[in-house]
Amino acid sequence: MMTESNKDLVRELYGRLMGEGDVATAERILSDDYVDHDVPGLPGGGNRYDLIRAVQGVRAAFPDIKPELYEIVAEGDWVAVRVEAAGHHSGVAFMGIEPTGTEIGWRELHLFRCANRRIVEHRSIFDMLAILQQLGAMHVG
């Protein structure tokens, strides 16, 4: 069944790229014409190498990042997944914020489109406000 195969692609991409920093897996799974509509820091979106660089930046800032995937739902070519991630800000600066040593957690929602056993498109939403609050860069109230 193709929906299960597509879910497996997303699990492998997220687990290997974000969880382990495995760029080779990302290059194999993401199509040559991959479009990412929501690469952090790139308002116009980007390609697979932009996504890889963004993930490398997050992993450099949070070297012990632990992403957990929940509610993976697929229909047709599309796969949706809710992610909860956590890690210590013990690496490099993140968005101009020097390492705090603080362990933080955040939530993400992702929507992937698959074709020919590769991921061809991606959209996402991150709880950036929660990240910035936990790093002490934003205060509410």
Protein backbone atom coordinates (compact mmCIF):
# COMPACT_ATOMS: atom_id res chain seq x y z
CA MET A 1 0.00 0.00 0.00
CA MET A 2 1.49 3.33 -1.09
CA THR A 3 0.30 5.33 1.92
CA GLU A 4 2.28 3.05 4.26
CA SER A 5 5.35 3.36 2.03
CA ASN A 6 5.00 7.15 2.08
CA LYS A 7 4.73 7.15 5.88
CA ASP A 8 7.90 5.05 6.04
CA LEU A 9 9.71 7.65 3.87
CA VAL A 10 8.74 10.43 6.26
CA ARG A 11 9.74 8.39 9.32
CA GLU A 12 13.10 7.62 7.77
CA LEU A 13 13.75 11.19 6.64
CA TYR A 14 12.87 12.73 9.97
CA GLY A 15 14.54 10.08 12.09
CA ARG A 16 17.74 9.92 10.07
CA LEU A 17 18.16 13.59 9.08
CA MET A 18 16.92 15.40 12.20
CA GLY A 19 17.56 12.61 14.67
CA GLU A 20 21.01 11.57 13.44
CA GLY A 21 22.16 14.26 10.99
CA ASP A 22 22.37 11.74 8.15
CA VAL A 23 22.60 13.95 5.04
CA ALA A 24 23.05 11.01 2.65
CA THR A 25 19.61 9.66 3.59
CA ALA A 26 18.06 13.07 2.93
CA GLU A 27 19.73 13.31 -0.46
CA ARG A 28 18.39 9.84 -1.34
CA ILE A 29 14.83 10.41 -0.06
CA LEU A 30 14.26 14.01 -1.21
CA SER A 31 13.65 14.32 -4.95
CA ASP A 32 15.96 16.39 -7.14
CA ASP A 33 13.13 18.89 -7.66
CA TYR A 34 12.07 18.90 -3.98
CA VAL A 35 10.34 22.10 -2.87
CA ASP A 36 10.24 23.19 0.75
CA HIS A 37 7.73 25.98 1.28
CA ASP A 38 8.69 26.67 4.89
CA VAL A 39 12.46 26.51 5.39
CA PRO A 40 13.19 28.65 8.48
CA GLY A 41 14.91 31.86 7.44
CA LEU A 42 13.97 31.55 3.76
CA PRO A 43 10.68 33.39 3.19
CA GLY A 44 10.40 32.18 -0.41
CA GLY A 45 11.04 28.55 0.48
CA GLY A 46 13.88 26.42 -0.75
CA ASN A 47 15.18 23.14 -2.08
CA ARG A 48 16.53 20.00 -0.44
CA TYR A 49 19.90 21.55 0.30
CA ASP A 50 18.22 24.48 2.05
CA LEU A 51 16.33 22.02 4.25
CA ILE A 52 19.52 20.08 4.98
CA ARG A 53 21.35 23.30 5.95
CA ALA A 54 18.45 24.36 8.20
CA VAL A 55 18.43 20.99 9.96
CA GLN A 56 22.22 21.08 10.34
CA GLY A 57 21.85 24.52 11.97
CA VAL A 58 19.28 23.24 14.46
CA ARG A 59 21.40 20.17 15.22
CA ALA A 60 24.48 22.38 15.72
CA ALA A 61 22.60 24.50 18.27
CA PHE A 62 20.87 21.52 19.94
CA PRO A 63 23.36 18.63 19.53
CA ASP A 64 21.33 16.20 21.65
CA ILE A 65 18.02 16.89 19.88
CA LYS A 66 15.48 14.11 20.25
CA PRO A 67 12.54 14.30 17.84
CA GLU A 68 9.51 12.08 18.48
CA LEU A 69 6.94 11.50 15.72
CA TYR A 70 3.25 11.16 16.57
CA GLU A 71 -0.01 10.89 14.63
CA ILE A 72 1.39 10.01 11.24
CA VAL A 73 -1.54 10.15 8.83
CA ALA A 74 -1.42 9.49 5.10
CA GLU A 75 -3.91 9.90 2.30
CA GLY A 76 -2.97 9.57 -1.34
CA ASP A 77 0.41 11.25 -1.93
CA TRP A 78 0.27 13.25 1.32
CA VAL A 79 1.65 12.46 4.78
CA ALA A 80 0.97 14.58 7.86
CA VAL A 81 2.87 14.19 11.12
CA ARG A 82 3.02 15.88 14.52
CA VAL A 83 6.49 16.10 16.01
CA GLU A 84 7.66 16.96 19.50
CA ALA A 85 11.36 17.72 19.83
CA ALA A 86 13.61 18.52 22.77
CA GLY A 87 17.26 19.27 23.29
CA HIS A 88 19.79 21.34 25.19
CA HIS A 89 20.92 24.63 23.67
CA SER A 90 24.55 23.66 24.25
CA GLY A 91 26.04 23.99 20.78
CA VAL A 92 26.29 27.12 18.67
CA ALA A 93 24.14 30.26 18.68
CA PHE A 94 20.56 29.78 17.49
CA MET A 95 18.90 32.72 15.73
CA GLY A 96 21.56 34.98 17.20
CA ILE A 97 21.03 33.65 20.74
CA GLU A 98 24.24 32.41 22.31
CA PRO A 99 24.06 28.93 23.90
CA THR A 100 22.09 28.97 27.14
CA GLY A 101 22.56 25.36 28.23
CA THR A 102 18.78 25.25 28.69
CA GLU A 103 16.82 22.17 27.73
CA ILE A 104 13.85 23.20 25.66
CA GLY A 105 11.02 21.48 23.86
CA TRP A 106 8.79 22.45 20.96
CA ARG A 107 6.10 21.17 18.64
CA GLU A 108 5.97 20.96 14.87
CA LEU A 109 3.41 19.97 12.25
CA HIS A 110 4.60 18.72 8.87
CA LEU A 111 2.89 17.95 5.58
CA PHE A 112 4.87 16.00 2.98
CA ARG A 113 3.92 15.08 -0.60
CA CYS A 114 5.48 11.95 -2.03
CA ALA A 115 5.86 10.68 -5.59
CA ASN A 116 7.86 7.81 -7.06
CA ARG A 117 9.09 6.71 -3.62
CA ARG A 118 10.63 10.10 -2.84
CA ILE A 119 9.50 13.22 -0.99
CA VAL A 120 8.82 16.03 -3.44
CA GLU A 121 7.21 18.76 -1.34
CA HIS A 122 7.05 19.92 2.28
CA ARG A 123 5.14 22.43 4.39
CA SER A 124 5.51 22.93 8.12
CA ILE A 125 4.56 24.93 11.19
CA PHE A 126 6.92 25.33 14.18
CA ASP A 127 6.12 26.78 17.57
CA MET A 128 8.90 29.37 17.26
CA LEU A 129 7.38 31.52 20.02
CA ALA A 130 7.79 28.67 22.51
CA ILE A 131 11.41 28.20 21.42
CA LEU A 132 12.26 31.89 21.80
CA GLN A 133 10.49 32.11 25.18
CA GLN A 134 12.38 29.13 26.55
CA LEU A 135 15.68 30.60 25.36
CA GLY A 136 14.86 33.86 27.15
CA ALA A 137 14.66 35.90 23.94
CA MET A 138 10.95 36.75 24.27
CA HIS A 139 8.80 37.43 27.27
CA VAL A 140 5.02 37.34 27.38
CA GLY A 141 3.09 39.39 29.86
